[in-house]
Amino acid sequence: MKRNPLRHPACVRIAATALLIFALGGCASMGSSGPSGRAIAHAGQKAVATAPIQIIKVNEAVARRVLAAHRASLFSVALGDAPPAAHIIGRGDVLQVTIWEAPPAVLFGSNTSFGGSTTSPDLGGASLGQRTGLPDMMVGDDGRITVPFAGAVPAAGRTPREVEEEIVSRLRGKAHDPQVAVRITTNASADVTVVGDVATNGRIPLTPKGERLLDVLAMAGGVKASVDKVTIQITRQNRVANLPLATVIADPDQNIRLGPGDIVTALYQPYSFTALGATNKSAEIPFEATGLTVAQALGRVGGLREDRANVRGAFIFRLESPAALDPAIAATAPRTPDGRVPVIYQFDLGDPSTFFVAQTFPMRNNDILYVSSAPLADLQRFVGMMSSFAFTLLGLGQAIP
């Protein structure tokens, strides 16, 4: 009877040894979704843009410092309500001046060349006098307007009532009991500039009513993007404050009254972070301008992979603002050319208290959330591979007679 050479013990041992060598070689080149937790722990010895990477284990104190540094400045605190725009005339404003002269009108009664001159009908046998509407006039660079028979009248920096009194005083003795009305028809000096992602960019005039932020945005046609993806920036002289539009809508205190010269910019900002490693979803994840916490970020990627994830190896890679770091670290940490510090925040999700910290730790735009594989995950993959090879070898031995 002829013997099957594959069933000879020596042949089996040789084949098993060859498969083991092949498997070890394959294990050495086994793919990985990213650096191990140990490699990240030693990343502090490397540099990004000439700045050494800072490895920071996240605890409550670290979370409070980061949250405070990245908390948006409330408009009600950083800027506050501007005083209502008074009827103060400024250079460039256009005024309408109307003059009444009691009968008998001696100055304007026979001169209608100014335009709009009419004689009012009698009321109960008494004449209301002569009304003369002068053509609209713009306040010049010198702050004055020119009124017939009154001369160059200072207007800039005054209220319409003060200009009326000035014109009346100059016409007294020339006109018969003159009465004057001054009205601002075009407000060019008390306005707000609205730019950015709104329907209509332009200048919005302010009135003594006191227009608020949402009033001005509505007058500009509203924002073009979704409310939760728009950030509002207000520039007032040398102060600048930013706040998500959704926050302004939700908190009436942030709907501040605007003042002359304010610049309102609507910024479309589609924030996102990238999830990599042993998470259930590796992708770029968008989030709202109102912000996102680490706990919410983990929820949006479906949590960690139970078969691979290292619960002590969740990391946030970020180019951090020095203001968010411990003063001792910020004082000595070299920075990238744009003034930021390369930081890796480490979260130990094996510690239950870390989940409370994760509920307050903010994610930032362009953050990378990375979860490393557990130390035994590669060993488990290797054992699985070896088991597959072993069963394959046994199957071949039994299949060949």
Protein backbone atom coordinates (compact mmCIF):
# COMPACT_ATOMS: atom_id res chain seq x y z
CA MET A 1 0.00 0.00 0.00
CA LYS A 2 1.34 3.44 -1.02
CA ARG A 3 1.74 6.00 1.78
CA ASN A 4 0.50 9.58 1.55
CA PRO A 5 3.60 11.80 2.03
CA LEU A 6 1.46 14.60 3.49
CA ARG A 7 0.45 12.33 6.38
CA HIS A 8 4.09 11.70 7.38
CA PRO A 9 4.81 13.47 10.71
CA ALA A 10 8.01 15.00 9.38
CA CYS A 11 6.17 16.49 6.41
CA VAL A 12 3.48 17.88 8.67
CA ARG A 13 6.10 19.49 10.92
CA ILE A 14 7.90 21.02 7.93
CA ALA A 15 4.66 22.38 6.49
CA ALA A 16 3.61 23.74 9.87
CA THR A 17 6.99 25.44 10.30
CA ALA A 18 6.75 27.02 6.85
CA LEU A 19 3.25 28.27 7.57
CA LEU A 20 4.38 29.65 10.93
CA ILE A 21 7.23 31.55 9.30
CA PHE A 22 4.84 32.88 6.66
CA ALA A 23 2.33 33.88 9.33
CA LEU A 24 4.96 35.68 11.39
CA GLY A 25 6.06 37.56 8.32
CA GLY A 26 2.48 38.50 7.60
CA CYS A 27 1.98 39.60 11.21
CA ALA A 28 4.99 41.86 11.02
CA SER A 29 3.45 43.64 8.06
CA MET A 30 -0.09 43.50 9.41
CA GLY A 31 -1.99 46.72 8.63
CA SER A 32 -2.93 49.26 11.29
CA SER A 33 -5.42 52.14 11.46
CA GLY A 34 -2.92 54.46 13.12
CA PRO A 35 -0.27 54.78 15.84
CA SER A 36 -0.47 52.74 19.00
CA GLY A 37 -1.11 54.27 22.39
CA ARG A 38 2.55 53.72 23.27
CA ALA A 39 3.70 55.52 20.11
CA ILE A 40 1.47 58.49 20.94
CA ALA A 41 2.81 58.58 24.51
CA HIS A 42 6.30 59.06 23.04
CA ALA A 43 5.14 61.70 20.53
CA GLY A 44 6.36 64.42 22.90
CA GLN A 45 9.87 63.67 21.68
CA LYS A 46 8.89 64.78 18.17
CA ALA A 47 7.93 68.12 16.72
CA VAL A 48 5.31 69.72 14.48
CA ALA A 49 6.46 72.80 12.55
CA THR A 50 9.52 73.00 14.86
CA ALA A 51 7.30 72.98 18.00
CA PRO A 52 7.46 69.91 20.30
CA ILE A 53 4.16 68.11 20.79
CA GLN A 54 2.61 68.48 24.23
CA ILE A 55 0.93 65.34 25.68
CA ILE A 56 -1.76 66.36 28.20
CA LYS A 57 -3.90 63.91 30.18
CA VAL A 58 -7.35 65.42 30.48
CA ASN A 59 -8.87 65.93 33.91
CA GLU A 60 -11.44 68.36 35.30
CA ALA A 61 -8.91 71.19 35.72
CA VAL A 62 -7.69 70.84 32.14
CA ALA A 63 -11.26 70.74 30.83
CA ARG A 64 -12.22 73.89 32.77
CA ARG A 65 -9.19 75.78 31.42
CA VAL A 66 -9.87 74.75 27.81
CA LEU A 67 -13.57 75.52 28.10
CA ALA A 68 -12.88 78.99 29.52
CA ALA A 69 -10.36 79.77 26.77
CA HIS A 70 -12.71 78.74 23.98
CA ARG A 71 -15.96 80.10 25.41
CA ALA A 72 -17.44 82.65 23.04
CA SER A 73 -17.70 86.20 24.37
CA LEU A 74 -21.34 87.09 24.93
CA PHE A 75 -22.42 90.24 23.10
CA SER A 76 -24.16 91.43 26.25
CA VAL A 77 -20.85 91.29 28.13
CA ALA A 78 -18.27 92.18 25.47
CA LEU A 79 -20.26 94.99 23.82
CA GLY A 80 -23.59 95.66 25.52
CA ASP A 81 -26.41 97.83 24.23
CA ALA A 82 -25.42 100.96 22.35
CA PRO A 83 -27.45 104.06 23.25
CA PRO A 84 -30.38 104.67 20.88
CA ALA A 85 -29.37 106.72 17.88
CA ALA A 86 -30.55 110.24 18.61
CA HIS A 87 -31.68 112.64 15.88
CA ILE A 88 -28.18 114.06 15.58
CA ILE A 89 -27.42 115.46 12.16
CA GLY A 90 -24.12 114.44 10.62
CA ARG A 91 -22.08 115.30 7.56
CA GLY A 92 -23.58 113.74 4.45
CA ASP A 93 -27.12 113.64 5.85
CA VAL A 94 -29.84 115.01 3.60
CA LEU A 95 -32.29 117.46 5.20
CA GLN A 96 -35.72 118.71 4.22
CA VAL A 97 -36.39 122.28 5.39
CA THR A 98 -39.93 123.73 5.34
CA ILE A 99 -40.63 127.37 6.26
CA TRP A 100 -43.97 128.90 7.19
CA GLU A 101 -44.49 132.64 7.21
CA ALA A 102 -47.55 134.13 8.89
CA PRO A 103 -49.75 136.41 6.74
CA PRO A 104 -49.09 138.80 5.39
CA ALA A 105 -46.05 136.93 4.07
CA VAL A 106 -43.46 139.57 3.32
CA LEU A 107 -40.38 137.45 2.62
CA PHE A 108 -41.56 134.25 0.96
CA GLY A 109 -45.05 135.38 -0.06
CA SER A 110 -44.22 136.40 -3.61
CA ASN A 111 -41.12 134.21 -4.17
CA THR A 112 -41.90 130.70 -5.22
CA SER A 113 -38.62 129.92 -6.93
CA PHE A 114 -37.53 127.73 -3.99
CA GLY A 115 -40.15 125.16 -4.94
CA GLY A 116 -43.16 123.84 -3.10
CA SER A 117 -44.46 127.27 -2.08
CA THR A 118 -48.20 127.26 -1.45
CA THR A 119 -50.71 129.42 0.30
CA SER A 120 -52.84 127.57 2.78
CA PRO A 121 -56.61 128.02 2.52
CA ASP A 122 -58.43 130.10 5.06
CA LEU A 123 -59.73 128.35 8.10
CA GLY A 124 -62.62 130.20 9.67
CA GLY A 125 -61.57 133.34 7.89
CA ALA A 126 -57.96 133.15 9.22
CA SER A 127 -55.09 132.39 6.87
CA LEU A 128 -52.58 129.73 7.93
CA GLY A 129 -49.82 131.56 6.09
CA GLN A 130 -47.34 130.83 3.38
CA ARG A 131 -45.54 127.43 3.35
CA THR A 132 -42.30 127.13 1.41
CA GLY A 133 -40.60 123.77 1.00
CA LEU A 134 -36.96 124.15 0.10
CA PRO A 135 -35.22 121.54 -2.08
CA ASP A 136 -33.51 118.75 -0.11
CA MET A 137 -30.01 119.76 0.86
CA MET A 138 -27.00 117.72 1.97
CA VAL A 139 -24.93 118.67 4.97
CA GLY A 140 -21.53 119.60 3.57
CA ASP A 141 -18.03 118.74 4.72
CA ASP A 142 -18.05 121.93 6.78
CA GLY A 143 -21.17 120.69 8.59
CA ARG A 144 -23.41 123.45 7.22
CA ILE A 145 -26.46 123.89 5.01
CA THR A 146 -27.40 127.03 3.10
CA VAL A 147 -30.89 128.46 3.69
CA PRO A 148 -32.12 131.46 1.65
CA PHE A 149 -32.08 134.67 3.69
CA ALA A 150 -30.57 132.78 6.63
CA GLY A 151 -27.15 132.01 5.14
CA ALA A 152 -24.89 129.09 6.02
CA VAL A 153 -26.45 127.39 9.03
CA PRO A 154 -24.38 124.96 11.17
CA ALA A 155 -26.15 121.59 11.18
CA ALA A 156 -23.65 118.77 11.91
CA GLY A 157 -23.69 117.68 15.54
CA ARG A 158 -27.08 119.31 16.18
CA THR A 159 -30.59 117.96 16.46
CA PRO A 160 -33.22 119.02 13.91
CA ARG A 161 -34.89 121.08 16.64
CA GLU A 162 -31.70 123.06 17.23
CA VAL A 163 -31.32 123.75 13.50
CA GLU A 164 -34.96 124.90 13.36
CA GLU A 165 -34.34 127.38 16.16
CA GLU A 166 -31.18 128.64 14.47
CA ILE A 167 -33.01 129.28 11.18
CA VAL A 168 -35.93 131.00 12.94
CA SER A 169 -33.54 133.30 14.79
CA ARG A 170 -31.84 134.26 11.54
CA LEU A 171 -35.14 134.92 9.73
CA ARG A 172 -36.63 136.93 12.56
CA GLY A 173 -36.96 140.54 11.43
CA LYS A 174 -36.86 139.47 7.79
CA ALA A 175 -39.90 137.18 7.62
CA HIS A 176 -43.25 137.69 9.32
CA ASP A 177 -43.43 135.37 12.35
CA PRO A 178 -41.44 132.55 10.66
CA GLN A 179 -41.88 128.90 11.66
CA VAL A 180 -39.44 126.22 10.49
CA ALA A 181 -39.51 122.38 10.32
CA VAL A 182 -36.34 120.37 9.65
CA ARG A 183 -36.48 116.65 8.88
CA ILE A 184 -33.71 114.13 8.10
CA THR A 185 -34.70 112.40 4.88
CA THR A 186 -31.47 110.44 4.34
CA ASN A 187 -29.45 109.29 7.33
CA ALA A 188 -25.86 108.86 6.16
CA SER A 189 -24.05 109.26 9.48
CA ALA A 190 -25.91 106.93 11.88
CA ASP A 191 -25.95 103.54 10.23
CA VAL A 192 -24.77 99.96 10.56
CA THR A 193 -22.81 98.09 7.90
CA VAL A 194 -24.02 94.52 7.26
CA VAL A 195 -21.79 92.19 5.22
CA GLY A 196 -21.16 88.50 4.77
CA ASP A 197 -23.59 85.66 4.20
CA VAL A 198 -26.76 87.80 4.12
CA ALA A 199 -29.22 88.38 1.31
CA THR A 200 -28.25 92.04 0.84
CA ASN A 201 -24.94 93.58 1.89
CA GLY A 202 -25.16 97.26 2.64
CA ARG A 203 -25.67 100.02 5.16
CA ILE A 204 -28.76 100.05 7.38
CA PRO A 205 -29.78 103.45 8.82
CA LEU A 206 -30.54 103.63 12.53
CA THR A 207 -33.46 105.46 14.07
CA PRO A 208 -34.20 106.69 17.60
CA LYS A 209 -36.22 103.49 18.03
CA GLY A 210 -32.94 101.66 18.62
CA GLU A 211 -32.54 98.82 16.11
CA ARG A 212 -31.27 95.56 17.53
CA LEU A 213 -29.08 92.90 15.91
CA LEU A 214 -31.92 90.69 14.67
CA ASP A 215 -33.77 93.78 13.38
CA VAL A 216 -30.77 94.74 11.26
CA LEU A 217 -30.28 91.18 9.96
CA ALA A 218 -33.94 91.07 8.97
CA MET A 219 -33.61 94.43 7.18
CA ALA A 220 -30.67 92.93 5.25
CA GLY A 221 -32.89 90.08 4.07
CA GLY A 222 -31.72 87.52 6.63
CA VAL A 223 -28.86 85.03 6.42
CA LYS A 224 -28.56 82.72 3.43
CA ALA A 225 -27.26 79.62 5.25
CA SER A 226 -28.79 77.50 7.97
CA VAL A 227 -28.99 79.33 11.30
CA ASP A 228 -26.95 76.68 13.13
CA LYS A 229 -24.03 77.13 10.73
CA VAL A 230 -23.75 80.93 10.92
CA THR A 231 -21.59 82.91 13.32
CA ILE A 232 -22.23 86.62 13.83
CA GLN A 233 -19.26 88.94 14.29
CA ILE A 234 -19.80 92.49 15.54
CA THR A 235 -17.04 95.07 15.24
CA ARG A 236 -17.47 98.19 17.35
CA GLN A 237 -14.53 100.57 17.16
CA ASN A 238 -11.58 98.46 18.38
CA ARG A 239 -13.67 95.67 19.92
CA VAL A 240 -14.66 92.47 18.12
CA ALA A 241 -17.00 89.76 19.43
CA ASN A 242 -18.27 86.52 17.84
CA LEU A 243 -21.30 84.45 18.71
CA PRO A 244 -23.31 81.74 16.93
CA LEU A 245 -26.54 83.11 15.48
CA ALA A 246 -28.46 80.27 17.13
CA THR A 247 -27.27 81.55 20.51
CA VAL A 248 -28.47 85.08 19.71
CA ILE A 249 -31.89 83.74 18.79
CA ALA A 250 -32.12 81.55 21.89
CA ASP A 251 -30.90 84.23 24.34
CA PRO A 252 -32.70 87.61 24.05
CA ASP A 253 -29.92 89.30 26.05
CA GLN A 254 -27.55 88.74 23.11
CA ASN A 255 -29.87 90.57 20.71
CA ILE A 256 -28.12 93.81 21.58
CA ARG A 257 -28.96 97.28 20.36
CA LEU A 258 -26.53 98.39 17.67
CA GLY A 259 -24.87 101.78 17.42
CA PRO A 260 -23.65 104.04 14.62
CA GLY A 261 -20.54 102.66 12.92
CA ASP A 262 -21.07 99.05 14.04
CA ILE A 263 -20.10 96.39 11.47
CA VAL A 264 -22.12 93.17 11.48
CA THR A 265 -20.59 90.22 9.61
CA ALA A 266 -22.50 86.97 9.05
CA LEU A 267 -19.94 84.16 8.70
CA TYR A 268 -20.89 80.79 7.22
CA GLN A 269 -18.77 78.33 9.18
CA PRO A 270 -19.38 74.61 8.58
CA TYR A 271 -17.33 73.19 11.48
CA SER A 272 -16.12 69.59 11.38
CA PHE A 273 -13.79 67.10 13.06
CA THR A 274 -12.21 63.90 11.73
CA ALA A 275 -12.65 60.53 13.46
CA LEU A 276 -10.00 57.85 12.93
CA GLY A 277 -8.82 54.61 14.49
CA ALA A 278 -10.86 52.13 16.50
CA THR A 279 -14.18 53.99 16.27
CA ASN A 280 -17.31 52.58 14.67
CA LYS A 281 -17.22 55.31 12.05
CA SER A 282 -14.12 56.83 10.50
CA ALA A 283 -15.14 59.99 8.65
CA GLU A 284 -15.19 63.76 8.66
CA ILE A 285 -18.09 64.73 10.93
CA PRO A 286 -19.75 68.14 10.60
CA PHE A 287 -21.12 69.94 13.66
CA GLU A 288 -22.95 73.13 14.49
CA ALA A 289 -21.51 76.55 15.21
CA THR A 290 -22.99 76.32 18.70
CA GLY A 291 -20.30 73.74 19.49
CA LEU A 292 -19.82 70.08 20.35
CA THR A 293 -18.35 68.21 23.32
CA VAL A 294 -16.10 65.14 23.24
CA ALA A 295 -18.95 63.02 24.62
CA GLN A 296 -21.21 64.14 21.77
CA ALA A 297 -18.42 63.56 19.25
CA LEU A 298 -18.00 59.96 20.45
CA GLY A 299 -21.73 59.48 20.12
CA ARG A 300 -21.75 60.78 16.54
CA VAL A 301 -19.12 58.22 15.48
CA GLY A 302 -21.03 55.38 17.09
CA GLY A 303 -18.69 54.99 20.04
CA LEU A 304 -15.65 52.71 20.25
CA ARG A 305 -15.16 49.33 18.62
CA GLU A 306 -15.43 46.78 21.42
CA ASP A 307 -13.22 44.27 19.61
CA ARG A 308 -10.32 46.66 19.00
CA ALA A 309 -10.47 49.92 20.98
CA ASN A 310 -8.11 50.80 23.79
CA VAL A 311 -10.38 52.53 26.33
CA ARG A 312 -7.36 54.33 27.77
CA GLY A 313 -6.24 55.49 24.34
CA ALA A 314 -8.73 58.10 23.12
CA PHE A 315 -6.92 61.19 21.88
CA ILE A 316 -7.71 64.66 20.50
CA PHE A 317 -5.03 66.09 18.18
CA ARG A 318 -5.17 69.90 18.09
CA LEU A 319 -3.12 73.00 17.37
CA GLU A 320 -4.10 74.75 20.58
CA SER A 321 -4.27 78.38 21.63
CA PRO A 322 -1.69 79.12 24.37
CA ALA A 323 -4.48 80.68 26.45
CA ALA A 324 -6.04 77.22 26.87
CA LEU A 325 -2.90 75.68 28.38
CA ASP A 326 -1.48 75.66 31.86
CA PRO A 327 0.57 78.87 32.25
CA ALA A 328 3.65 76.81 33.11
CA ILE A 329 3.32 74.87 29.84
CA ALA A 330 2.34 77.89 27.75
CA ALA A 331 5.33 79.88 28.99
CA THR A 332 7.89 77.33 27.82
CA ALA A 333 6.18 75.49 24.95
CA PRO A 334 7.57 76.45 21.53
CA ARG A 335 4.88 77.46 19.09
CA THR A 336 4.15 76.96 15.42
CA PRO A 337 4.65 79.93 13.07
CA ASP A 338 1.01 80.96 13.57
CA GLY A 339 1.44 81.08 17.37
CA ARG A 340 -0.28 77.84 18.35
CA VAL A 341 0.96 74.83 20.34
CA PRO A 342 0.70 71.23 19.01
CA VAL A 343 -1.21 69.32 21.69
CA ILE A 344 -2.47 65.76 22.10
CA TYR A 345 -5.19 65.47 24.74
CA GLN A 346 -5.49 61.97 26.21
CA PHE A 347 -8.79 60.62 27.61
CA ASP A 348 -8.88 57.55 29.84
CA LEU A 349 -12.35 56.20 29.10
CA GLY A 350 -11.70 53.34 31.52
CA ASP A 351 -12.17 55.88 34.32
CA PRO A 352 -15.90 56.60 34.86
CA SER A 353 -15.18 60.18 35.94
CA THR A 354 -13.73 60.90 32.49
CA PHE A 355 -17.22 60.74 31.00
CA PHE A 356 -18.25 63.74 33.11
CA VAL A 357 -15.20 65.63 31.88
CA ALA A 358 -16.02 64.61 28.28
CA GLN A 359 -19.43 66.27 28.63
CA THR A 360 -17.78 69.68 29.01
CA PHE A 361 -14.56 69.38 26.99
CA PRO A 362 -15.20 71.26 23.70
CA MET A 363 -14.34 69.98 20.27
CA ARG A 364 -12.83 72.54 17.89
CA ASN A 365 -12.96 72.91 14.15
CA ASN A 366 -10.42 70.61 12.38
CA ASP A 367 -9.79 68.48 15.49
CA ILE A 368 -8.78 64.85 14.97
CA LEU A 369 -10.42 62.30 17.27
CA TYR A 370 -8.30 59.15 17.30
CA VAL A 371 -8.80 55.94 19.27
CA SER A 372 -5.85 53.56 19.38
CA SER A 373 -6.14 49.78 19.27
CA ALA A 374 -5.92 47.75 22.46
CA PRO A 375 -2.46 46.22 23.15
CA LEU A 376 -3.81 42.65 22.70
CA ALA A 377 -5.84 43.46 19.60
CA ASP A 378 -2.93 42.67 17.24
CA LEU A 379 -2.19 39.49 19.20
CA GLN A 380 -5.81 38.41 18.84
CA ARG A 381 -5.64 39.05 15.10
CA PHE A 382 -2.41 37.01 14.94
CA VAL A 383 -3.95 34.11 16.90
CA GLY A 384 -6.95 34.19 14.58
CA MET A 385 -4.66 34.08 11.57
CA MET A 386 -2.67 31.16 13.00
CA SER A 387 -5.85 29.25 13.79
CA SER A 388 -6.99 29.70 10.21
CA PHE A 389 -3.66 28.38 8.89
CA ALA A 390 -3.75 25.42 11.29
CA PHE A 391 -7.26 24.39 10.28
CA THR A 392 -6.29 24.79 6.63
CA LEU A 393 -3.28 22.51 7.10
CA LEU A 394 -5.33 19.85 8.92
CA GLY A 395 -7.98 20.02 6.26
CA LEU A 396 -5.43 19.45 3.51
CA GLY A 397 -3.91 16.52 5.39
CA GLN A 398 -7.25 14.83 5.79
CA ALA A 399 -8.44 15.58 2.26
CA ILE A 400 -5.47 13.92 0.54
CA PRO A 401 -5.53 10.10 0.84
